[in-house]
Amino acid sequence: MSWRTVVIRSRAKLDYKMNYMVVRKLEETSKIFIDEIHTLIIESTAVSLTAALLNELIKNKVKIIFCDEKRNPSSELISYYGSHDTSAKYRSQISWSRSIKEKVWTEIVREKIKNQSILLKELGHEEYKMLDEYYKQVELFDTTNREGHAAKVYFNALFGKGFTRSNEEPINSALNYGYAILLSAINREVVSMGYMTQFGLFHDNMFNQFNLSCDLMEPFRIFVDRKIISMDIGELDSKAKLRIIEAMNDTIDIDGQNMYFNNALKVYCKSVFDALNNNDVLEIKFWKYEL
């Protein structure tokens, strides 16, 4: 099972040889076994890749993320077909009832607020008590927007009363970077299981290619938040970005097992699809975050 997140940060040529990705730099040449790679991040625009390598990476369901000249994620490469039964999965996805989608989204929102509350309590912020109340107040499909109210309290507790997610500052840049990496990881799992990222449960923006992935990532945002808080970021430089990326190689508990983060995402996404297909929210397996 693939688990490595590989980052190419400087000028290099990448090509393919006998199931290895060959990384050629001026000072050295190295090889990475493709079966071990979960995500490849091309951080520098001075990197060239062969079509043969791209083809093999796609066949092995490796998520490929490209960054712009500022080294921020700007695009990703996704296979047209991630599973042998993609057509059947598409039909299944289109037939999900509104009722089950509302129930699944409700559970996702509750889990997100619960995790936010746990982090605030862990850091000694009394606002966690307010989030506990919001958790109890979540209604079907979160019609009263407890998620939005919780987010305001949560971010103000973490970063101060004047903080908003629209501010241009290092903390927001770091959060956006981490969320982008997380979204790409979720996209990989959605596509590899044969589903469409465009059709979401709650998110329904016609300009968003990843509505479903935006839904599924919500309980895991806390993972990015916790990592960034521990870093005390002054600016989002290359070292800070690498530390955020390295967090995706951590292990977490899910379904009674301790596993790499990316493998836990696979378990979680599959469980959500099982819940949607079997009309049973009890099948959802969330990662275990405890004090």
C-alpha atoms as a PDB file:
ATOM      1  CA  MET A   1       0.000   0.000   0.000  1.00  0.00           C
ATOM      2  CA  SER A   2       1.434   3.393  -1.005  1.00  0.00           C
ATOM      3  CA  TRP A   3       2.269   5.808   1.794  1.00  0.00           C
ATOM      4  CA  ARG A   4       5.070   8.213   0.805  1.00  0.00           C
ATOM      5  CA  THR A   5       4.581  11.901   0.014  1.00  0.00           C
ATOM      6  CA  VAL A   6       7.442  12.943  -2.283  1.00  0.00           C
ATOM      7  CA  VAL A   7       8.305  16.618  -2.802  1.00  0.00           C
ATOM      8  CA  ILE A   8      10.538  17.833  -5.638  1.00  0.00           C
ATOM      9  CA  ARG A   9      11.716  21.291  -4.566  1.00  0.00           C
ATOM     10  CA  SER A  10      14.497  22.198  -7.027  1.00  0.00           C
ATOM     11  CA  ARG A  11      15.527  21.842 -10.673  1.00  0.00           C
ATOM     12  CA  ALA A  12      15.335  18.205 -11.755  1.00  0.00           C
ATOM     13  CA  LYS A  13      14.329  15.855 -14.538  1.00  0.00           C
ATOM     14  CA  LEU A  14      11.979  13.030 -13.633  1.00  0.00           C
ATOM     15  CA  ASP A  15      11.637   9.936 -15.766  1.00  0.00           C
ATOM     16  CA  TYR A  16      10.609   6.293 -15.535  1.00  0.00           C
ATOM     17  CA  LYS A  17      12.659   3.101 -15.411  1.00  0.00           C
ATOM     18  CA  MET A  18      11.538  -0.377 -14.376  1.00  0.00           C
ATOM     19  CA  ASN A  19       8.835   0.715 -11.915  1.00  0.00           C
ATOM     20  CA  TYR A  20      11.021   3.423 -10.394  1.00  0.00           C
ATOM     21  CA  MET A  21      10.749   7.185 -10.634  1.00  0.00           C
ATOM     22  CA  VAL A  22      14.232   8.404 -11.471  1.00  0.00           C
ATOM     23  CA  VAL A  23      15.109  11.863 -10.138  1.00  0.00           C
ATOM     24  CA  ARG A  24      18.023  13.407 -12.010  1.00  0.00           C
ATOM     25  CA  LYS A  25      19.653  16.516 -10.513  1.00  0.00           C
ATOM     26  CA  LEU A  26      22.956  18.175 -11.350  1.00  0.00           C
ATOM     27  CA  GLU A  27      24.683  16.769  -8.293  1.00  0.00           C
ATOM     28  CA  GLU A  28      22.983  13.372  -7.974  1.00  0.00           C
ATOM     29  CA  THR A  29      20.562  10.802  -9.357  1.00  0.00           C
ATOM     30  CA  SER A  30      18.164   8.876  -7.131  1.00  0.00           C
ATOM     31  CA  LYS A  31      15.358   6.336  -7.574  1.00  0.00           C
ATOM     32  CA  ILE A  32      12.034   5.983  -5.770  1.00  0.00           C
ATOM     33  CA  PHE A  33       9.901   2.862  -6.014  1.00  0.00           C
ATOM     34  CA  ILE A  34       6.593   3.965  -7.554  1.00  0.00           C
ATOM     35  CA  ASP A  35       4.525   1.489  -5.534  1.00  0.00           C
ATOM     36  CA  GLU A  36       5.545   3.381  -2.376  1.00  0.00           C
ATOM     37  CA  ILE A  37       4.453   6.814  -3.639  1.00  0.00           C
ATOM     38  CA  HIS A  38       1.045   8.072  -2.562  1.00  0.00           C
ATOM     39  CA  THR A  39       1.473  11.736  -3.549  1.00  0.00           C
ATOM     40  CA  LEU A  40       4.029  13.537  -5.708  1.00  0.00           C
ATOM     41  CA  ILE A  41       4.303  17.304  -5.211  1.00  0.00           C
ATOM     42  CA  ILE A  42       6.152  19.263  -7.894  1.00  0.00           C
ATOM     43  CA  GLU A  43       7.015  22.411  -5.958  1.00  0.00           C
ATOM     44  CA  SER A  44       9.399  23.996  -8.471  1.00  0.00           C
ATOM     45  CA  THR A  45       8.547  25.170 -11.992  1.00  0.00           C
ATOM     46  CA  ALA A  46      12.094  24.158 -13.007  1.00  0.00           C
ATOM     47  CA  VAL A  47      11.137  20.470 -12.994  1.00  0.00           C
ATOM     48  CA  SER A  48      10.548  18.491 -16.193  1.00  0.00           C
ATOM     49  CA  LEU A  49       8.739  15.145 -16.397  1.00  0.00           C
ATOM     50  CA  THR A  50       8.504  12.567 -19.155  1.00  0.00           C
ATOM     51  CA  ALA A  51       5.162  11.433 -20.505  1.00  0.00           C
ATOM     52  CA  ALA A  52       6.166   7.839 -19.754  1.00  0.00           C
ATOM     53  CA  LEU A  53       6.569   8.664 -16.060  1.00  0.00           C
ATOM     54  CA  LEU A  54       3.266  10.529 -15.888  1.00  0.00           C
ATOM     55  CA  ASN A  55       1.519   7.586 -17.495  1.00  0.00           C
ATOM     56  CA  GLU A  56       2.955   5.111 -14.968  1.00  0.00           C
ATOM     57  CA  LEU A  57       2.157   7.356 -12.014  1.00  0.00           C
ATOM     58  CA  ILE A  58      -1.447   7.687 -13.156  1.00  0.00           C
ATOM     59  CA  LYS A  59      -1.755   3.919 -13.662  1.00  0.00           C
ATOM     60  CA  ASN A  60      -0.557   3.458 -10.082  1.00  0.00           C
ATOM     61  CA  LYS A  61      -3.088   6.063  -8.839  1.00  0.00           C
ATOM     62  CA  VAL A  62      -0.381   8.430  -7.598  1.00  0.00           C
ATOM     63  CA  LYS A  63      -1.711  11.907  -6.850  1.00  0.00           C
ATOM     64  CA  ILE A  64       0.388  14.515  -8.702  1.00  0.00           C
ATOM     65  CA  ILE A  65       0.208  18.107  -7.459  1.00  0.00           C
ATOM     66  CA  PHE A  66       1.793  20.986  -9.386  1.00  0.00           C
ATOM     67  CA  CYS A  67       2.774  24.274  -7.715  1.00  0.00           C
ATOM     68  CA  ASP A  68       3.009  27.749  -9.226  1.00  0.00           C
ATOM     69  CA  GLU A  69       5.983  30.133  -9.243  1.00  0.00           C
ATOM     70  CA  LYS A  70       5.236  31.001  -5.603  1.00  0.00           C
ATOM     71  CA  ARG A  71       5.379  27.300  -4.706  1.00  0.00           C
ATOM     72  CA  ASN A  72       1.700  27.148  -3.840  1.00  0.00           C
ATOM     73  CA  PRO A  73      -0.466  24.237  -5.105  1.00  0.00           C
ATOM     74  CA  SER A  74      -2.132  25.327  -8.348  1.00  0.00           C
ATOM     75  CA  SER A  75      -3.326  22.156 -10.085  1.00  0.00           C
ATOM     76  CA  GLU A  76      -3.329  18.385  -9.951  1.00  0.00           C
ATOM     77  CA  LEU A  77      -3.401  15.464 -12.345  1.00  0.00           C
ATOM     78  CA  ILE A  78      -6.365  13.117 -12.001  1.00  0.00           C
ATOM     79  CA  SER A  79      -7.089   9.965 -13.955  1.00  0.00           C
ATOM     80  CA  TYR A  80     -10.297   9.834 -15.992  1.00  0.00           C
ATOM     81  CA  TYR A  81     -11.041   6.417 -14.529  1.00  0.00           C
ATOM     82  CA  GLY A  82      -9.851   5.401 -11.089  1.00  0.00           C
ATOM     83  CA  SER A  83     -11.591   2.049 -10.758  1.00  0.00           C
ATOM     84  CA  HIS A  84     -12.491  -0.898 -12.974  1.00  0.00           C
ATOM     85  CA  ASP A  85     -16.203  -0.337 -12.211  1.00  0.00           C
ATOM     86  CA  THR A  86     -16.276   3.449 -12.528  1.00  0.00           C
ATOM     87  CA  SER A  87     -19.442   3.473 -14.648  1.00  0.00           C
ATOM     88  CA  ALA A  88     -21.318   1.491 -11.995  1.00  0.00           C
ATOM     89  CA  LYS A  89     -20.015   3.791  -9.266  1.00  0.00           C
ATOM     90  CA  TYR A  90     -21.175   6.845 -11.241  1.00  0.00           C
ATOM     91  CA  ARG A  91     -24.684   5.399 -11.513  1.00  0.00           C
ATOM     92  CA  SER A  92     -24.678   4.618  -7.812  1.00  0.00           C
ATOM     93  CA  GLN A  93     -23.518   8.125  -6.942  1.00  0.00           C
ATOM     94  CA  ILE A  94     -26.196   9.768  -9.063  1.00  0.00           C
ATOM     95  CA  SER A  95     -28.867   7.643  -7.369  1.00  0.00           C
ATOM     96  CA  TRP A  96     -27.940   8.558  -3.771  1.00  0.00           C
ATOM     97  CA  SER A  97     -31.119   9.859  -2.158  1.00  0.00           C
ATOM     98  CA  ARG A  98     -31.343  13.354  -0.731  1.00  0.00           C
ATOM     99  CA  SER A  99     -32.248  11.806   2.610  1.00  0.00           C
ATOM    100  CA  ILE A 100     -29.045   9.795   3.011  1.00  0.00           C
ATOM    101  CA  LYS A 101     -26.894  12.655   1.750  1.00  0.00           C
ATOM    102  CA  GLU A 102     -28.415  14.949   4.370  1.00  0.00           C
ATOM    103  CA  LYS A 103     -27.806  12.371   7.109  1.00  0.00           C
ATOM    104  CA  VAL A 104     -24.183  11.793   6.102  1.00  0.00           C
ATOM    105  CA  TRP A 105     -23.474  15.527   5.910  1.00  0.00           C
ATOM    106  CA  THR A 106     -24.988  15.959   9.381  1.00  0.00           C
ATOM    107  CA  GLU A 107     -22.592  13.362  10.809  1.00  0.00           C
ATOM    108  CA  ILE A 108     -19.635  15.004   9.061  1.00  0.00           C
ATOM    109  CA  VAL A 109     -20.515  18.413  10.534  1.00  0.00           C
ATOM    110  CA  ARG A 110     -20.907  16.955  14.009  1.00  0.00           C
ATOM    111  CA  GLU A 111     -17.553  15.228  13.789  1.00  0.00           C
ATOM    112  CA  LYS A 112     -15.858  18.415  12.577  1.00  0.00           C
ATOM    113  CA  ILE A 113     -17.247  20.488  15.470  1.00  0.00           C
ATOM    114  CA  LYS A 114     -16.373  17.758  17.965  1.00  0.00           C
ATOM    115  CA  ASN A 115     -12.752  17.715  16.797  1.00  0.00           C
ATOM    116  CA  GLN A 116     -12.545  21.512  16.953  1.00  0.00           C
ATOM    117  CA  SER A 117     -13.831  21.397  20.512  1.00  0.00           C
ATOM    118  CA  ILE A 118     -11.259  18.783  21.500  1.00  0.00           C
ATOM    119  CA  LEU A 119      -8.404  20.902  20.138  1.00  0.00           C
ATOM    120  CA  LEU A 120      -9.601  24.017  21.963  1.00  0.00           C
ATOM    121  CA  LYS A 121      -9.841  22.039  25.204  1.00  0.00           C
ATOM    122  CA  GLU A 122      -6.388  20.571  24.610  1.00  0.00           C
ATOM    123  CA  LEU A 123      -4.979  24.107  24.253  1.00  0.00           C
ATOM    124  CA  GLY A 124      -6.796  25.397  27.319  1.00  0.00           C
ATOM    125  CA  HIS A 125      -9.388  27.583  25.580  1.00  0.00           C
ATOM    126  CA  GLU A 126     -12.682  27.761  27.475  1.00  0.00           C
ATOM    127  CA  GLU A 127     -14.526  28.344  24.200  1.00  0.00           C
ATOM    128  CA  TYR A 128     -14.574  24.575  23.776  1.00  0.00           C
ATOM    129  CA  LYS A 129     -17.679  24.572  25.967  1.00  0.00           C
ATOM    130  CA  MET A 130     -19.515  26.707  23.403  1.00  0.00           C
ATOM    131  CA  LEU A 131     -18.538  24.298  20.645  1.00  0.00           C
ATOM    132  CA  ASP A 132     -19.832  21.407  22.738  1.00  0.00           C
ATOM    133  CA  GLU A 133     -23.201  23.172  22.764  1.00  0.00           C
ATOM    134  CA  TYR A 134     -23.085  23.757  19.010  1.00  0.00           C
ATOM    135  CA  TYR A 135     -22.340  20.045  18.569  1.00  0.00           C
ATOM    136  CA  LYS A 136     -25.522  19.168  20.464  1.00  0.00           C
ATOM    137  CA  GLN A 137     -27.553  21.690  18.461  1.00  0.00           C
ATOM    138  CA  VAL A 138     -26.674  20.389  14.970  1.00  0.00           C
ATOM    139  CA  GLU A 139     -29.892  19.603  13.115  1.00  0.00           C
ATOM    140  CA  LEU A 140     -30.436  17.510  10.005  1.00  0.00           C
ATOM    141  CA  PHE A 141     -28.300  18.921   7.158  1.00  0.00           C
ATOM    142  CA  ASP A 142     -27.147  21.602   9.626  1.00  0.00           C
ATOM    143  CA  THR A 143     -30.008  23.908   8.634  1.00  0.00           C
ATOM    144  CA  THR A 144     -29.147  26.319  11.485  1.00  0.00           C
ATOM    145  CA  ASN A 145     -25.504  26.561  10.344  1.00  0.00           C
ATOM    146  CA  ARG A 146     -23.914  25.413  13.587  1.00  0.00           C
ATOM    147  CA  GLU A 147     -20.794  24.692  11.521  1.00  0.00           C
ATOM    148  CA  GLY A 148     -20.404  28.361  10.570  1.00  0.00           C
ATOM    149  CA  HIS A 149     -20.995  29.612  14.110  1.00  0.00           C
ATOM    150  CA  ALA A 150     -18.543  27.072  15.486  1.00  0.00           C
ATOM    151  CA  ALA A 151     -15.890  28.084  12.945  1.00  0.00           C
ATOM    152  CA  LYS A 152     -16.028  31.735  14.020  1.00  0.00           C
ATOM    153  CA  VAL A 153     -15.647  30.881  17.706  1.00  0.00           C
ATOM    154  CA  TYR A 154     -12.963  28.319  16.933  1.00  0.00           C
ATOM    155  CA  PHE A 155     -10.668  30.513  14.816  1.00  0.00           C
ATOM    156  CA  ASN A 156     -11.084  33.529  17.112  1.00  0.00           C
ATOM    157  CA  ALA A 157     -10.087  31.371  20.075  1.00  0.00           C
ATOM    158  CA  LEU A 158      -7.026  30.038  18.248  1.00  0.00           C
ATOM    159  CA  PHE A 159      -5.736  33.204  16.582  1.00  0.00           C
ATOM    160  CA  GLY A 160      -7.459  36.155  18.266  1.00  0.00           C
ATOM    161  CA  LYS A 161     -10.683  38.130  17.959  1.00  0.00           C
ATOM    162  CA  GLY A 162      -9.499  40.080  14.931  1.00  0.00           C
ATOM    163  CA  PHE A 163      -8.664  36.983  12.906  1.00  0.00           C
ATOM    164  CA  THR A 164     -10.699  36.078   9.831  1.00  0.00           C
ATOM    165  CA  ARG A 165     -10.019  33.474   7.175  1.00  0.00           C
ATOM    166  CA  SER A 166      -9.926  36.200   4.528  1.00  0.00           C
ATOM    167  CA  ASN A 167      -6.936  38.017   6.063  1.00  0.00           C
ATOM    168  CA  GLU A 168      -3.708  37.995   4.081  1.00  0.00           C
ATOM    169  CA  GLU A 169      -1.255  36.758   6.683  1.00  0.00           C
ATOM    170  CA  PRO A 170       1.109  33.789   7.172  1.00  0.00           C
ATOM    171  CA  ILE A 171      -1.351  31.793   9.287  1.00  0.00           C
ATOM    172  CA  ASN A 172      -3.999  31.870   6.567  1.00  0.00           C
ATOM    173  CA  SER A 173      -1.420  31.088   3.899  1.00  0.00           C
ATOM    174  CA  ALA A 174      -0.312  28.067   5.911  1.00  0.00           C
ATOM    175  CA  LEU A 175      -3.886  26.920   6.502  1.00  0.00           C
ATOM    176  CA  ASN A 176      -4.715  27.293   2.805  1.00  0.00           C
ATOM    177  CA  TYR A 177      -1.601  25.366   1.842  1.00  0.00           C
ATOM    178  CA  GLY A 178      -2.364  22.539   4.242  1.00  0.00           C
ATOM    179  CA  TYR A 179      -6.007  22.377   3.198  1.00  0.00           C
ATOM    180  CA  ALA A 180      -4.977  22.248  -0.474  1.00  0.00           C
ATOM    181  CA  ILE A 181      -2.726  19.254   0.193  1.00  0.00           C
ATOM    182  CA  LEU A 182      -5.489  17.590   2.211  1.00  0.00           C
ATOM    183  CA  LEU A 183      -8.056  18.220  -0.539  1.00  0.00           C
ATOM    184  CA  SER A 184      -5.751  16.670  -3.120  1.00  0.00           C
ATOM    185  CA  ALA A 185      -5.309  13.583  -0.942  1.00  0.00           C
ATOM    186  CA  ILE A 186      -9.092  13.230  -0.638  1.00  0.00           C
ATOM    187  CA  ASN A 187      -9.472  13.710  -4.406  1.00  0.00           C
ATOM    188  CA  ARG A 188      -7.112  10.805  -4.954  1.00  0.00           C
ATOM    189  CA  GLU A 189      -9.212   8.478  -2.821  1.00  0.00           C
ATOM    190  CA  VAL A 190     -12.521   9.565  -4.352  1.00  0.00           C
ATOM    191  CA  VAL A 191     -11.271   9.015  -7.894  1.00  0.00           C
ATOM    192  CA  SER A 192      -9.433   5.768  -7.109  1.00  0.00           C
ATOM    193  CA  MET A 193     -12.693   4.350  -5.737  1.00  0.00           C
ATOM    194  CA  GLY A 194     -14.514   5.220  -8.934  1.00  0.00           C
ATOM    195  CA  TYR A 195     -16.585   8.239  -7.889  1.00  0.00           C
ATOM    196  CA  MET A 196     -16.892  11.779  -9.255  1.00  0.00           C
ATOM    197  CA  THR A 197     -15.426  14.625  -7.241  1.00  0.00           C
ATOM    198  CA  GLN A 198     -17.828  17.153  -8.789  1.00  0.00           C
ATOM    199  CA  PHE A 199     -21.111  15.994  -7.188  1.00  0.00           C
ATOM    200  CA  GLY A 200     -21.146  16.794  -3.487  1.00  0.00           C
ATOM    201  CA  LEU A 201     -23.404  16.180  -0.524  1.00  0.00           C
ATOM    202  CA  PHE A 202     -23.533  19.783   0.703  1.00  0.00           C
ATOM    203  CA  HIS A 203     -21.086  21.696  -1.478  1.00  0.00           C
ATOM    204  CA  ASP A 204     -22.742  22.449  -4.802  1.00  0.00           C
ATOM    205  CA  ASN A 205     -20.727  25.144  -6.572  1.00  0.00           C
ATOM    206  CA  MET A 206     -20.880  24.883 -10.352  1.00  0.00           C
ATOM    207  CA  PHE A 207     -17.311  26.233 -10.572  1.00  0.00           C
ATOM    208  CA  ASN A 208     -15.903  23.756  -8.043  1.00  0.00           C
ATOM    209  CA  GLN A 209     -14.535  20.554  -9.549  1.00  0.00           C
ATOM    210  CA  PHE A 210     -14.142  19.013  -6.086  1.00  0.00           C
ATOM    211  CA  ASN A 211     -17.471  19.477  -4.299  1.00  0.00           C
ATOM    212  CA  LEU A 212     -17.578  15.938  -2.916  1.00  0.00           C
ATOM    213  CA  SER A 213     -13.978  16.087  -1.716  1.00  0.00           C
ATOM    214  CA  CYS A 214     -14.688  19.416   0.014  1.00  0.00           C
ATOM    215  CA  ASP A 215     -17.463  17.637   1.903  1.00  0.00           C
ATOM    216  CA  LEU A 216     -15.357  14.654   2.899  1.00  0.00           C
ATOM    217  CA  MET A 217     -12.306  16.615   4.070  1.00  0.00           C
ATOM    218  CA  GLU A 218     -14.117  18.563   6.811  1.00  0.00           C
ATOM    219  CA  PRO A 219     -13.391  16.275   9.818  1.00  0.00           C
ATOM    220  CA  PHE A 220      -9.697  16.217   8.865  1.00  0.00           C
ATOM    221  CA  ARG A 221      -9.161  19.990   8.740  1.00  0.00           C
ATOM    222  CA  ILE A 222      -8.376  19.850  12.442  1.00  0.00           C
ATOM    223  CA  PHE A 223      -5.348  17.711  11.589  1.00  0.00           C
ATOM    224  CA  VAL A 224      -3.915  20.586   9.536  1.00  0.00           C
ATOM    225  CA  ASP A 225      -4.907  23.199  12.146  1.00  0.00           C
ATOM    226  CA  ARG A 226      -3.187  21.334  14.965  1.00  0.00           C
ATOM    227  CA  LYS A 227       0.015  20.935  12.957  1.00  0.00           C
ATOM    228  CA  ILE A 228       0.179  24.614  12.015  1.00  0.00           C
ATOM    229  CA  ILE A 229      -0.494  25.798  15.576  1.00  0.00           C
ATOM    230  CA  SER A 230       2.446  23.696  16.786  1.00  0.00           C
ATOM    231  CA  MET A 231       4.771  25.316  14.245  1.00  0.00           C
ATOM    232  CA  ASP A 232       4.518  28.976  15.338  1.00  0.00           C
ATOM    233  CA  ILE A 233       4.703  30.166  11.729  1.00  0.00           C
ATOM    234  CA  GLY A 234       6.274  33.553  11.071  1.00  0.00           C
ATOM    235  CA  GLU A 235       6.194  33.119   7.317  1.00  0.00           C
ATOM    236  CA  LEU A 236       5.217  30.355   4.939  1.00  0.00           C
ATOM    237  CA  ASP A 237       8.655  29.457   3.645  1.00  0.00           C
ATOM    238  CA  SER A 238       9.868  26.190   2.134  1.00  0.00           C
ATOM    239  CA  LYS A 239      10.738  24.708   5.526  1.00  0.00           C
ATOM    240  CA  ALA A 240       7.261  25.453   6.872  1.00  0.00           C
ATOM    241  CA  LYS A 241       5.628  23.918   3.800  1.00  0.00           C
ATOM    242  CA  LEU A 242       7.748  20.787   4.134  1.00  0.00           C
ATOM    243  CA  ARG A 243       6.714  20.388   7.787  1.00  0.00           C
ATOM    244  CA  ILE A 244       3.053  20.672   6.787  1.00  0.00           C
ATOM    245  CA  ILE A 245       3.534  18.065   4.069  1.00  0.00           C
ATOM    246  CA  GLU A 246       5.414  15.767   6.458  1.00  0.00           C
ATOM    247  CA  ALA A 247       2.345  15.735   8.703  1.00  0.00           C
ATOM    248  CA  MET A 248       0.661  13.637   6.015  1.00  0.00           C
ATOM    249  CA  ASN A 249       3.161  10.887   6.834  1.00  0.00           C
ATOM    250  CA  ASP A 250       2.041  10.774  10.492  1.00  0.00           C
ATOM    251  CA  THR A 251      -0.031   7.912  11.862  1.00  0.00           C
ATOM    252  CA  ILE A 252      -3.538   8.224  13.316  1.00  0.00           C
ATOM    253  CA  ASP A 253      -6.136   5.902  14.829  1.00  0.00           C
ATOM    254  CA  ILE A 254      -9.135   4.822  12.800  1.00  0.00           C
ATOM    255  CA  ASP A 255     -11.357   1.759  12.977  1.00  0.00           C
ATOM    256  CA  GLY A 256      -9.336   0.440  15.921  1.00  0.00           C
ATOM    257  CA  GLN A 257      -6.043   0.567  14.035  1.00  0.00           C
ATOM    258  CA  ASN A 258      -3.062   2.900  13.928  1.00  0.00           C
ATOM    259  CA  MET A 259      -2.138   3.652  10.320  1.00  0.00           C
ATOM    260  CA  TYR A 260      -0.504   6.225   8.077  1.00  0.00           C
ATOM    261  CA  PHE A 261      -2.624   9.318   7.497  1.00  0.00           C
ATOM    262  CA  ASN A 262      -3.140   8.670   3.780  1.00  0.00           C
ATOM    263  CA  ASN A 263      -4.196   5.085   4.420  1.00  0.00           C
ATOM    264  CA  ALA A 264      -6.631   6.290   7.086  1.00  0.00           C
ATOM    265  CA  LEU A 265      -8.168   8.600   4.480  1.00  0.00           C
ATOM    266  CA  LYS A 266      -8.812   5.543   2.315  1.00  0.00           C
ATOM    267  CA  VAL A 267     -10.618   3.747   5.159  1.00  0.00           C
ATOM    268  CA  TYR A 268     -12.677   6.842   5.943  1.00  0.00           C
ATOM    269  CA  CYS A 269     -13.692   7.588   2.342  1.00  0.00           C
ATOM    270  CA  LYS A 270     -14.686   3.988   1.692  1.00  0.00           C
ATOM    271  CA  SER A 271     -16.808   3.982   4.847  1.00  0.00           C
ATOM    272  CA  VAL A 272     -18.634   7.145   3.745  1.00  0.00           C
ATOM    273  CA  PHE A 273     -19.396   5.603   0.366  1.00  0.00           C
ATOM    274  CA  ASP A 274     -20.592   2.425   2.083  1.00  0.00           C
ATOM    275  CA  ALA A 275     -22.910   4.553   4.243  1.00  0.00           C
ATOM    276  CA  LEU A 276     -24.290   6.322   1.178  1.00  0.00           C
ATOM    277  CA  ASN A 277     -24.761   3.137  -0.814  1.00  0.00           C
ATOM    278  CA  ASN A 278     -26.249   1.134   2.075  1.00  0.00           C
ATOM    279  CA  ASN A 279     -28.313   3.991   3.514  1.00  0.00           C
ATOM    280  CA  ASP A 280     -26.693   3.588   6.952  1.00  0.00           C
ATOM    281  CA  VAL A 281     -24.671   6.391   8.612  1.00  0.00           C
ATOM    282  CA  LEU A 282     -23.446   3.941  11.243  1.00  0.00           C
ATOM    283  CA  GLU A 283     -21.011   2.602   8.650  1.00  0.00           C
ATOM    284  CA  ILE A 284     -18.981   5.829   8.698  1.00  0.00           C
ATOM    285  CA  LYS A 285     -15.558   5.408  10.329  1.00  0.00           C
ATOM    286  CA  PHE A 286     -14.078   8.660  11.614  1.00  0.00           C
ATOM    287  CA  TRP A 287     -10.509   9.030  12.838  1.00  0.00           C
ATOM    288  CA  LYS A 288     -10.114   8.994  16.598  1.00  0.00           C
ATOM    289  CA  TYR A 289      -8.947  12.274  18.122  1.00  0.00           C
ATOM    290  CA  GLU A 290      -8.653  12.217  21.906  1.00  0.00           C
ATOM    291  CA  LEU A 291      -6.878  14.300  24.528  1.00  0.00           C
END
